[in-house]
N, C-alpha and C. Protein backbone atom coordinates (compact mmCIF):
# COMPACT_ATOMS: atom_id res chain seq x y z
N MET A 1 -7.76 -11.21 12.21
CA MET A 1 -6.79 -10.40 12.91
C MET A 1 -5.50 -11.21 13.03
N ALA A 2 -4.42 -10.63 12.57
CA ALA A 2 -3.11 -11.28 12.67
C ALA A 2 -2.29 -10.60 13.75
N LYS A 3 -1.42 -11.36 14.39
CA LYS A 3 -0.44 -10.81 15.33
C LYS A 3 0.91 -10.94 14.66
N LEU A 4 1.58 -9.80 14.49
CA LEU A 4 2.89 -9.79 13.85
C LEU A 4 3.90 -9.12 14.75
N ASN A 5 5.12 -9.65 14.75
CA ASN A 5 6.23 -9.08 15.50
C ASN A 5 7.05 -8.27 14.49
N VAL A 6 6.83 -6.95 14.49
CA VAL A 6 7.48 -6.08 13.52
C VAL A 6 8.38 -5.10 14.27
N ASN A 7 9.65 -5.14 13.92
CA ASN A 7 10.65 -4.25 14.53
C ASN A 7 10.61 -4.31 16.06
N GLY A 8 10.40 -5.53 16.57
CA GLY A 8 10.44 -5.74 18.01
C GLY A 8 9.16 -5.45 18.75
N ARG A 9 8.09 -5.15 18.03
CA ARG A 9 6.80 -4.88 18.66
C ARG A 9 5.77 -5.88 18.17
N ILE A 10 5.01 -6.46 19.09
CA ILE A 10 3.91 -7.35 18.72
C ILE A 10 2.71 -6.46 18.40
N LEU A 11 2.20 -6.60 17.19
CA LEU A 11 1.11 -5.75 16.74
C LEU A 11 -0.06 -6.58 16.26
N ASP A 12 -1.27 -6.13 16.58
CA ASP A 12 -2.49 -6.71 16.02
C ASP A 12 -2.73 -6.02 14.69
N VAL A 13 -2.90 -6.80 13.65
CA VAL A 13 -3.08 -6.26 12.32
C VAL A 13 -4.41 -6.75 11.77
N ALA A 14 -5.28 -5.79 11.46
CA ALA A 14 -6.59 -6.12 10.89
C ALA A 14 -6.44 -6.31 9.39
N ALA A 15 -6.20 -7.55 8.99
CA ALA A 15 -6.01 -7.86 7.58
C ALA A 15 -6.55 -9.25 7.28
N GLU A 16 -7.05 -9.43 6.09
CA GLU A 16 -7.49 -10.75 5.65
C GLU A 16 -6.27 -11.67 5.58
N ASP A 17 -6.48 -12.96 5.75
CA ASP A 17 -5.38 -13.93 5.74
C ASP A 17 -4.53 -13.87 4.48
N ASP A 18 -5.16 -13.55 3.34
CA ASP A 18 -4.41 -13.54 2.08
C ASP A 18 -3.80 -12.17 1.75
N THR A 19 -3.91 -11.21 2.66
CA THR A 19 -3.31 -9.90 2.43
C THR A 19 -1.79 -10.05 2.43
N PRO A 20 -1.12 -9.55 1.40
CA PRO A 20 0.34 -9.62 1.40
C PRO A 20 0.93 -8.88 2.59
N LEU A 21 1.99 -9.44 3.15
CA LEU A 21 2.67 -8.82 4.27
C LEU A 21 3.03 -7.36 3.96
N LEU A 22 3.45 -7.09 2.74
CA LEU A 22 3.79 -5.73 2.33
C LEU A 22 2.67 -4.76 2.64
N TRP A 23 1.44 -5.12 2.29
CA TRP A 23 0.32 -4.20 2.50
C TRP A 23 -0.04 -4.06 3.97
N ALA A 24 0.12 -5.13 4.74
CA ALA A 24 -0.11 -5.03 6.18
C ALA A 24 0.90 -4.08 6.80
N ILE A 25 2.16 -4.20 6.37
CA ILE A 25 3.21 -3.31 6.89
C ILE A 25 2.93 -1.86 6.52
N ARG A 26 2.60 -1.62 5.28
CA ARG A 26 2.40 -0.24 4.80
C ARG A 26 1.07 0.34 5.25
N GLU A 27 -0.02 -0.38 5.03
CA GLU A 27 -1.36 0.16 5.23
C GLU A 27 -1.85 0.07 6.67
N GLN A 28 -1.66 -1.09 7.31
CA GLN A 28 -2.18 -1.24 8.66
C GLN A 28 -1.19 -0.74 9.73
N ILE A 29 0.09 -1.01 9.53
CA ILE A 29 1.09 -0.63 10.53
C ILE A 29 1.61 0.79 10.28
N GLY A 30 1.60 1.22 9.03
CA GLY A 30 2.00 2.59 8.71
C GLY A 30 3.49 2.78 8.48
N LEU A 31 4.22 1.70 8.23
CA LEU A 31 5.65 1.80 7.92
C LEU A 31 5.79 1.76 6.40
N THR A 32 6.10 2.90 5.82
CA THR A 32 6.06 3.02 4.35
C THR A 32 7.44 2.95 3.69
N GLY A 33 8.47 2.60 4.44
CA GLY A 33 9.80 2.47 3.84
C GLY A 33 9.91 1.27 2.91
N THR A 34 9.17 0.22 3.20
CA THR A 34 9.13 -0.97 2.34
C THR A 34 8.26 -0.63 1.15
N LYS A 35 8.78 -0.82 -0.05
CA LYS A 35 8.10 -0.35 -1.26
C LYS A 35 7.45 -1.47 -2.07
N TYR A 36 6.41 -1.09 -2.80
CA TYR A 36 5.78 -1.97 -3.78
C TYR A 36 6.46 -1.72 -5.12
N GLY A 37 6.92 -2.77 -5.75
CA GLY A 37 7.55 -2.63 -7.06
C GLY A 37 6.81 -3.41 -8.12
N CYS A 38 6.85 -4.73 -8.01
CA CYS A 38 6.28 -5.56 -9.07
C CYS A 38 5.08 -6.38 -8.62
N GLY A 39 5.01 -6.72 -7.36
CA GLY A 39 3.90 -7.52 -6.85
C GLY A 39 4.05 -9.02 -7.06
N VAL A 40 5.16 -9.45 -7.66
CA VAL A 40 5.36 -10.88 -7.91
C VAL A 40 6.71 -11.38 -7.40
N ALA A 41 7.28 -10.68 -6.43
CA ALA A 41 8.51 -11.09 -5.75
C ALA A 41 9.73 -11.14 -6.67
N GLN A 42 9.74 -10.35 -7.71
CA GLN A 42 10.87 -10.35 -8.62
C GLN A 42 11.85 -9.19 -8.39
N CYS A 43 11.34 -8.00 -8.11
CA CYS A 43 12.22 -6.82 -8.09
C CYS A 43 12.93 -6.61 -6.76
N GLY A 44 12.34 -7.02 -5.65
CA GLY A 44 12.97 -6.89 -4.35
C GLY A 44 12.74 -5.58 -3.63
N ALA A 45 11.98 -4.66 -4.18
CA ALA A 45 11.72 -3.39 -3.50
C ALA A 45 11.01 -3.61 -2.17
N CYS A 46 10.33 -4.72 -2.02
CA CYS A 46 9.55 -5.02 -0.81
C CYS A 46 10.30 -5.88 0.19
N THR A 47 11.60 -6.04 0.04
CA THR A 47 12.38 -6.94 0.89
C THR A 47 12.37 -6.50 2.36
N VAL A 48 12.07 -7.46 3.22
CA VAL A 48 12.14 -7.29 4.68
C VAL A 48 12.91 -8.51 5.20
N HIS A 49 13.22 -8.51 6.48
CA HIS A 49 13.83 -9.69 7.09
C HIS A 49 12.77 -10.42 7.90
N VAL A 50 12.78 -11.73 7.80
CA VAL A 50 11.97 -12.59 8.66
C VAL A 50 12.94 -13.57 9.29
N ASP A 51 13.08 -13.42 10.60
CA ASP A 51 14.06 -14.22 11.34
C ASP A 51 15.44 -14.17 10.68
N GLY A 52 15.80 -12.99 10.23
CA GLY A 52 17.13 -12.75 9.67
C GLY A 52 17.29 -13.05 8.20
N GLN A 53 16.28 -13.62 7.58
CA GLN A 53 16.34 -13.96 6.16
C GLN A 53 15.64 -12.90 5.33
N ALA A 54 16.22 -12.57 4.18
CA ALA A 54 15.57 -11.63 3.27
C ALA A 54 14.35 -12.30 2.65
N VAL A 55 13.21 -11.62 2.75
CA VAL A 55 11.95 -12.14 2.23
C VAL A 55 11.28 -11.04 1.43
N ARG A 56 10.73 -11.39 0.31
CA ARG A 56 10.01 -10.42 -0.52
C ARG A 56 8.56 -10.42 -0.06
N SER A 57 8.20 -9.36 0.59
CA SER A 57 6.93 -9.31 1.33
C SER A 57 5.69 -9.14 0.47
N CYS A 58 5.84 -8.81 -0.80
CA CYS A 58 4.66 -8.60 -1.64
C CYS A 58 3.95 -9.90 -1.99
N ALA A 59 4.66 -11.02 -1.88
CA ALA A 59 4.08 -12.30 -2.30
C ALA A 59 3.83 -13.25 -1.14
N MET A 60 3.98 -12.76 0.09
CA MET A 60 3.77 -13.59 1.26
C MET A 60 2.55 -13.11 2.02
N PRO A 61 1.53 -13.97 2.21
CA PRO A 61 0.34 -13.54 2.94
C PRO A 61 0.61 -13.44 4.44
N VAL A 62 -0.10 -12.55 5.11
CA VAL A 62 0.09 -12.40 6.56
C VAL A 62 -0.17 -13.71 7.30
N SER A 63 -1.02 -14.57 6.74
CA SER A 63 -1.32 -15.85 7.39
C SER A 63 -0.10 -16.76 7.47
N ALA A 64 0.96 -16.47 6.71
CA ALA A 64 2.17 -17.28 6.73
C ALA A 64 3.06 -16.96 7.92
N PHE A 65 2.70 -15.94 8.71
CA PHE A 65 3.56 -15.47 9.79
C PHE A 65 2.90 -15.62 11.15
N THR A 66 3.73 -15.85 12.16
CA THR A 66 3.26 -15.91 13.54
C THR A 66 3.96 -14.81 14.33
N GLU A 67 3.45 -14.52 15.50
CA GLU A 67 4.07 -13.48 16.32
C GLU A 67 5.44 -13.91 16.81
N ALA A 68 5.77 -15.18 16.73
CA ALA A 68 7.09 -15.65 17.14
C ALA A 68 8.16 -15.30 16.09
N GLN A 69 7.74 -15.07 14.86
CA GLN A 69 8.70 -14.72 13.81
C GLN A 69 9.01 -13.23 13.87
N LYS A 70 10.29 -12.92 13.81
CA LYS A 70 10.73 -11.53 13.90
C LYS A 70 10.83 -10.92 12.51
N ILE A 71 9.95 -9.96 12.25
CA ILE A 71 9.94 -9.25 10.98
C ILE A 71 10.63 -7.91 11.21
N VAL A 72 11.60 -7.60 10.36
CA VAL A 72 12.30 -6.32 10.46
C VAL A 72 12.15 -5.61 9.11
N THR A 73 11.72 -4.36 9.19
CA THR A 73 11.60 -3.52 8.00
C THR A 73 12.78 -2.56 7.96
N ILE A 74 12.88 -1.79 6.91
CA ILE A 74 13.96 -0.80 6.80
C ILE A 74 13.96 0.14 7.99
N GLU A 75 12.79 0.43 8.53
CA GLU A 75 12.72 1.33 9.70
C GLU A 75 13.38 0.71 10.93
N GLY A 76 13.49 -0.61 10.97
CA GLY A 76 14.08 -1.29 12.11
C GLY A 76 15.50 -1.78 11.86
N LEU A 77 16.08 -1.44 10.71
CA LEU A 77 17.41 -1.94 10.36
C LEU A 77 18.50 -1.37 11.26
N ALA A 78 18.46 -0.09 11.54
CA ALA A 78 19.50 0.54 12.36
C ALA A 78 19.42 0.03 13.79
N PRO A 79 20.57 -0.12 14.44
CA PRO A 79 20.54 -0.54 15.85
C PRO A 79 19.85 0.51 16.71
N MET A 80 19.41 0.09 17.87
CA MET A 80 18.74 1.01 18.80
C MET A 80 19.69 2.16 19.14
N GLY A 81 19.13 3.30 19.46
CA GLY A 81 19.93 4.44 19.85
C GLY A 81 20.18 5.40 18.71
N GLY A 82 19.62 5.12 17.53
CA GLY A 82 19.71 6.06 16.43
C GLY A 82 20.94 5.94 15.55
N ALA A 83 21.90 5.08 15.88
CA ALA A 83 23.07 4.92 15.03
C ALA A 83 22.67 4.24 13.72
N GLN A 84 23.33 4.61 12.66
CA GLN A 84 23.04 3.99 11.37
C GLN A 84 23.70 2.62 11.28
N HIS A 85 23.08 1.74 10.51
CA HIS A 85 23.68 0.46 10.16
C HIS A 85 24.88 0.76 9.27
N ALA A 86 25.90 -0.07 9.28
CA ALA A 86 27.09 0.13 8.45
C ALA A 86 26.73 0.31 6.98
N LEU A 87 25.71 -0.39 6.52
CA LEU A 87 25.28 -0.24 5.12
C LEU A 87 24.70 1.14 4.87
N GLN A 88 23.91 1.63 5.81
CA GLN A 88 23.33 2.97 5.65
C GLN A 88 24.44 4.02 5.59
N LYS A 89 25.45 3.87 6.41
CA LYS A 89 26.59 4.79 6.38
C LYS A 89 27.28 4.73 5.03
N ALA A 90 27.54 3.53 4.54
CA ALA A 90 28.21 3.36 3.25
C ALA A 90 27.37 3.94 2.12
N TRP A 91 26.05 3.75 2.19
CA TRP A 91 25.15 4.27 1.15
C TRP A 91 25.28 5.80 1.08
N VAL A 92 25.32 6.45 2.24
CA VAL A 92 25.43 7.90 2.29
C VAL A 92 26.81 8.34 1.80
N GLU A 93 27.86 7.71 2.31
CA GLU A 93 29.23 8.08 1.94
C GLU A 93 29.48 7.95 0.45
N LEU A 94 28.89 6.94 -0.18
CA LEU A 94 29.13 6.68 -1.60
C LEU A 94 28.02 7.22 -2.50
N ASP A 95 27.03 7.86 -1.91
CA ASP A 95 25.92 8.41 -2.69
C ASP A 95 25.33 7.33 -3.60
N VAL A 96 25.01 6.19 -2.99
CA VAL A 96 24.55 5.02 -3.75
C VAL A 96 23.24 5.25 -4.50
N PRO A 97 22.19 5.76 -3.85
CA PRO A 97 20.91 5.84 -4.56
C PRO A 97 20.87 6.91 -5.63
N GLN A 98 20.09 6.66 -6.63
CA GLN A 98 19.78 7.70 -7.60
C GLN A 98 18.36 8.16 -7.29
N CYS A 99 17.34 7.46 -7.74
CA CYS A 99 15.99 7.87 -7.38
C CYS A 99 15.64 7.40 -5.97
N GLY A 100 16.24 6.28 -5.54
CA GLY A 100 16.06 5.78 -4.19
C GLY A 100 14.91 4.82 -4.00
N PHE A 101 14.07 4.63 -4.99
CA PHE A 101 12.88 3.80 -4.80
C PHE A 101 13.21 2.38 -4.34
N CYS A 102 14.19 1.77 -4.96
CA CYS A 102 14.52 0.37 -4.66
C CYS A 102 15.44 0.22 -3.46
N GLN A 103 15.96 1.31 -2.96
CA GLN A 103 17.06 1.23 -2.00
C GLN A 103 16.71 0.60 -0.67
N SER A 104 15.50 0.75 -0.16
CA SER A 104 15.18 0.09 1.10
C SER A 104 15.27 -1.43 0.93
N GLY A 105 14.78 -1.92 -0.19
CA GLY A 105 14.88 -3.36 -0.47
C GLY A 105 16.32 -3.79 -0.68
N MET A 106 17.10 -2.97 -1.38
CA MET A 106 18.52 -3.27 -1.58
C MET A 106 19.24 -3.35 -0.24
N LEU A 107 19.00 -2.37 0.62
CA LEU A 107 19.64 -2.36 1.93
C LEU A 107 19.27 -3.59 2.75
N MET A 108 18.00 -3.96 2.71
CA MET A 108 17.56 -5.12 3.49
C MET A 108 18.17 -6.42 2.94
N ALA A 109 18.24 -6.55 1.62
CA ALA A 109 18.87 -7.74 1.03
C ALA A 109 20.35 -7.77 1.38
N ALA A 110 21.02 -6.62 1.30
CA ALA A 110 22.44 -6.55 1.62
C ALA A 110 22.70 -6.85 3.09
N ALA A 111 21.85 -6.33 3.97
CA ALA A 111 22.02 -6.57 5.40
C ALA A 111 21.86 -8.06 5.73
N ALA A 112 20.91 -8.73 5.09
CA ALA A 112 20.74 -10.16 5.31
C ALA A 112 21.97 -10.92 4.83
N LEU A 113 22.51 -10.51 3.68
CA LEU A 113 23.72 -11.15 3.16
C LEU A 113 24.87 -10.98 4.15
N LEU A 114 25.11 -9.75 4.62
CA LEU A 114 26.23 -9.50 5.53
C LEU A 114 26.05 -10.19 6.88
N ALA A 115 24.81 -10.37 7.31
CA ALA A 115 24.57 -11.08 8.56
C ALA A 115 24.96 -12.55 8.43
N GLN A 116 24.78 -13.11 7.24
CA GLN A 116 25.13 -14.51 7.00
C GLN A 116 26.57 -14.69 6.56
N ASN A 117 27.10 -13.67 5.87
CA ASN A 117 28.44 -13.73 5.31
C ASN A 117 29.06 -12.34 5.45
N PRO A 118 29.71 -12.06 6.58
CA PRO A 118 30.20 -10.71 6.86
C PRO A 118 31.24 -10.17 5.88
N ARG A 119 31.91 -11.04 5.15
CA ARG A 119 32.94 -10.58 4.20
C ARG A 119 32.76 -11.28 2.85
N PRO A 120 31.66 -11.01 2.17
CA PRO A 120 31.41 -11.69 0.90
C PRO A 120 32.35 -11.19 -0.21
N SER A 121 32.63 -12.07 -1.12
CA SER A 121 33.41 -11.69 -2.30
C SER A 121 32.50 -10.92 -3.26
N GLU A 122 33.10 -10.29 -4.24
CA GLU A 122 32.30 -9.59 -5.25
C GLU A 122 31.37 -10.57 -5.94
N ALA A 123 31.86 -11.75 -6.26
CA ALA A 123 31.02 -12.76 -6.94
C ALA A 123 29.84 -13.17 -6.05
N GLU A 124 30.08 -13.32 -4.75
CA GLU A 124 29.00 -13.69 -3.84
C GLU A 124 27.96 -12.58 -3.74
N ILE A 125 28.41 -11.34 -3.70
CA ILE A 125 27.47 -10.22 -3.67
C ILE A 125 26.64 -10.20 -4.94
N ARG A 126 27.29 -10.31 -6.07
CA ARG A 126 26.56 -10.29 -7.35
C ARG A 126 25.58 -11.45 -7.46
N SER A 127 25.93 -12.58 -6.89
CA SER A 127 25.06 -13.75 -6.94
C SER A 127 23.87 -13.63 -6.00
N GLU A 128 24.09 -13.07 -4.82
CA GLU A 128 23.07 -13.03 -3.78
C GLU A 128 22.12 -11.83 -3.87
N ILE A 129 22.59 -10.71 -4.34
CA ILE A 129 21.75 -9.51 -4.40
C ILE A 129 21.09 -9.49 -5.78
N THR A 130 19.84 -9.94 -5.81
CA THR A 130 19.12 -10.08 -7.08
C THR A 130 18.05 -9.01 -7.25
N ASN A 131 18.06 -8.02 -6.37
CA ASN A 131 17.09 -6.92 -6.46
C ASN A 131 17.33 -6.14 -7.75
N ILE A 132 16.26 -5.56 -8.26
CA ILE A 132 16.34 -4.77 -9.49
C ILE A 132 16.36 -3.29 -9.15
N CYS A 133 17.29 -2.57 -9.77
CA CYS A 133 17.39 -1.12 -9.63
C CYS A 133 17.10 -0.52 -11.00
N ARG A 134 16.01 0.18 -11.11
CA ARG A 134 15.63 0.75 -12.40
C ARG A 134 16.61 1.81 -12.88
N CYS A 135 17.32 2.44 -11.95
CA CYS A 135 18.30 3.47 -12.32
C CYS A 135 19.66 2.87 -12.66
N GLY A 136 19.86 1.60 -12.36
CA GLY A 136 21.10 0.93 -12.72
C GLY A 136 22.28 1.26 -11.81
N THR A 137 22.04 1.44 -10.52
CA THR A 137 23.13 1.81 -9.61
C THR A 137 23.88 0.59 -9.06
N TYR A 138 23.90 -0.48 -9.80
CA TYR A 138 24.47 -1.73 -9.32
C TYR A 138 25.93 -1.61 -8.88
N ASN A 139 26.73 -0.87 -9.62
CA ASN A 139 28.14 -0.73 -9.23
C ASN A 139 28.27 0.02 -7.91
N ARG A 140 27.42 1.01 -7.68
CA ARG A 140 27.46 1.74 -6.41
C ARG A 140 26.91 0.88 -5.28
N VAL A 141 25.91 0.06 -5.55
CA VAL A 141 25.40 -0.88 -4.55
C VAL A 141 26.51 -1.85 -4.16
N LEU A 142 27.19 -2.40 -5.14
CA LEU A 142 28.31 -3.31 -4.89
C LEU A 142 29.36 -2.63 -4.02
N ALA A 143 29.73 -1.41 -4.39
CA ALA A 143 30.74 -0.67 -3.63
C ALA A 143 30.27 -0.40 -2.20
N GLY A 144 28.99 -0.10 -2.03
CA GLY A 144 28.44 0.14 -0.69
C GLY A 144 28.50 -1.10 0.18
N ILE A 145 28.15 -2.24 -0.40
CA ILE A 145 28.20 -3.49 0.36
C ILE A 145 29.64 -3.81 0.72
N GLN A 146 30.54 -3.63 -0.24
CA GLN A 146 31.96 -3.90 0.03
C GLN A 146 32.49 -2.97 1.12
N ARG A 147 32.11 -1.71 1.08
CA ARG A 147 32.59 -0.78 2.12
C ARG A 147 32.05 -1.20 3.48
N ALA A 148 30.78 -1.53 3.56
CA ALA A 148 30.20 -1.94 4.85
C ALA A 148 30.85 -3.21 5.37
N ALA A 149 31.24 -4.08 4.46
CA ALA A 149 31.88 -5.35 4.84
C ALA A 149 33.38 -5.19 5.09
N GLY A 150 33.92 -4.04 4.71
CA GLY A 150 35.36 -3.85 4.86
C GLY A 150 36.16 -4.58 3.82
N THR A 151 35.52 -4.87 2.68
CA THR A 151 36.22 -5.61 1.62
C THR A 151 36.42 -4.78 0.37
N ALA A 152 36.23 -3.47 0.47
CA ALA A 152 36.35 -2.61 -0.71
C ALA A 152 37.76 -2.69 -1.28
N THR A 153 37.81 -2.73 -2.60
CA THR A 153 39.11 -2.72 -3.27
C THR A 153 39.35 -1.32 -3.79
N SER A 154 40.58 -0.90 -3.77
CA SER A 154 40.87 0.45 -4.30
C SER A 154 40.94 0.36 -5.80
N GLY A 155 40.69 1.49 -6.42
CA GLY A 155 40.77 1.46 -7.87
C GLY A 155 39.85 2.43 -8.40
């Protein structure tokens, strides 16, 4: 039995120590916004925050976490009170997703970047956001991050 702090709630999770955090989040906790993509921490569809850092949850066992560590999933990204995160607003305004499968991971990676660097350059965004989008919406993702950061260039 693991104790995890997910989206501000301490939860008992019935999972084997080697169960990937992704599966504990989806199967035991029931939060299905975090997606399974590759299973080897390459695509980023499973990205969550752990103490503010973007972490690919498919390759991290639940035994690696304590209840003191704050895990945030896409369901916990928006501030309390129902308001959208600036990235979520930008995603909607710019119609960023195509199929949408990778977008929860993209949003979580982008949110971690903006938390560490509120006004990243285009080069910094391209360097830091390594998630894979099968539909190829990279230019719209870039534009969404820039809009949320207030660094969008006209053109």
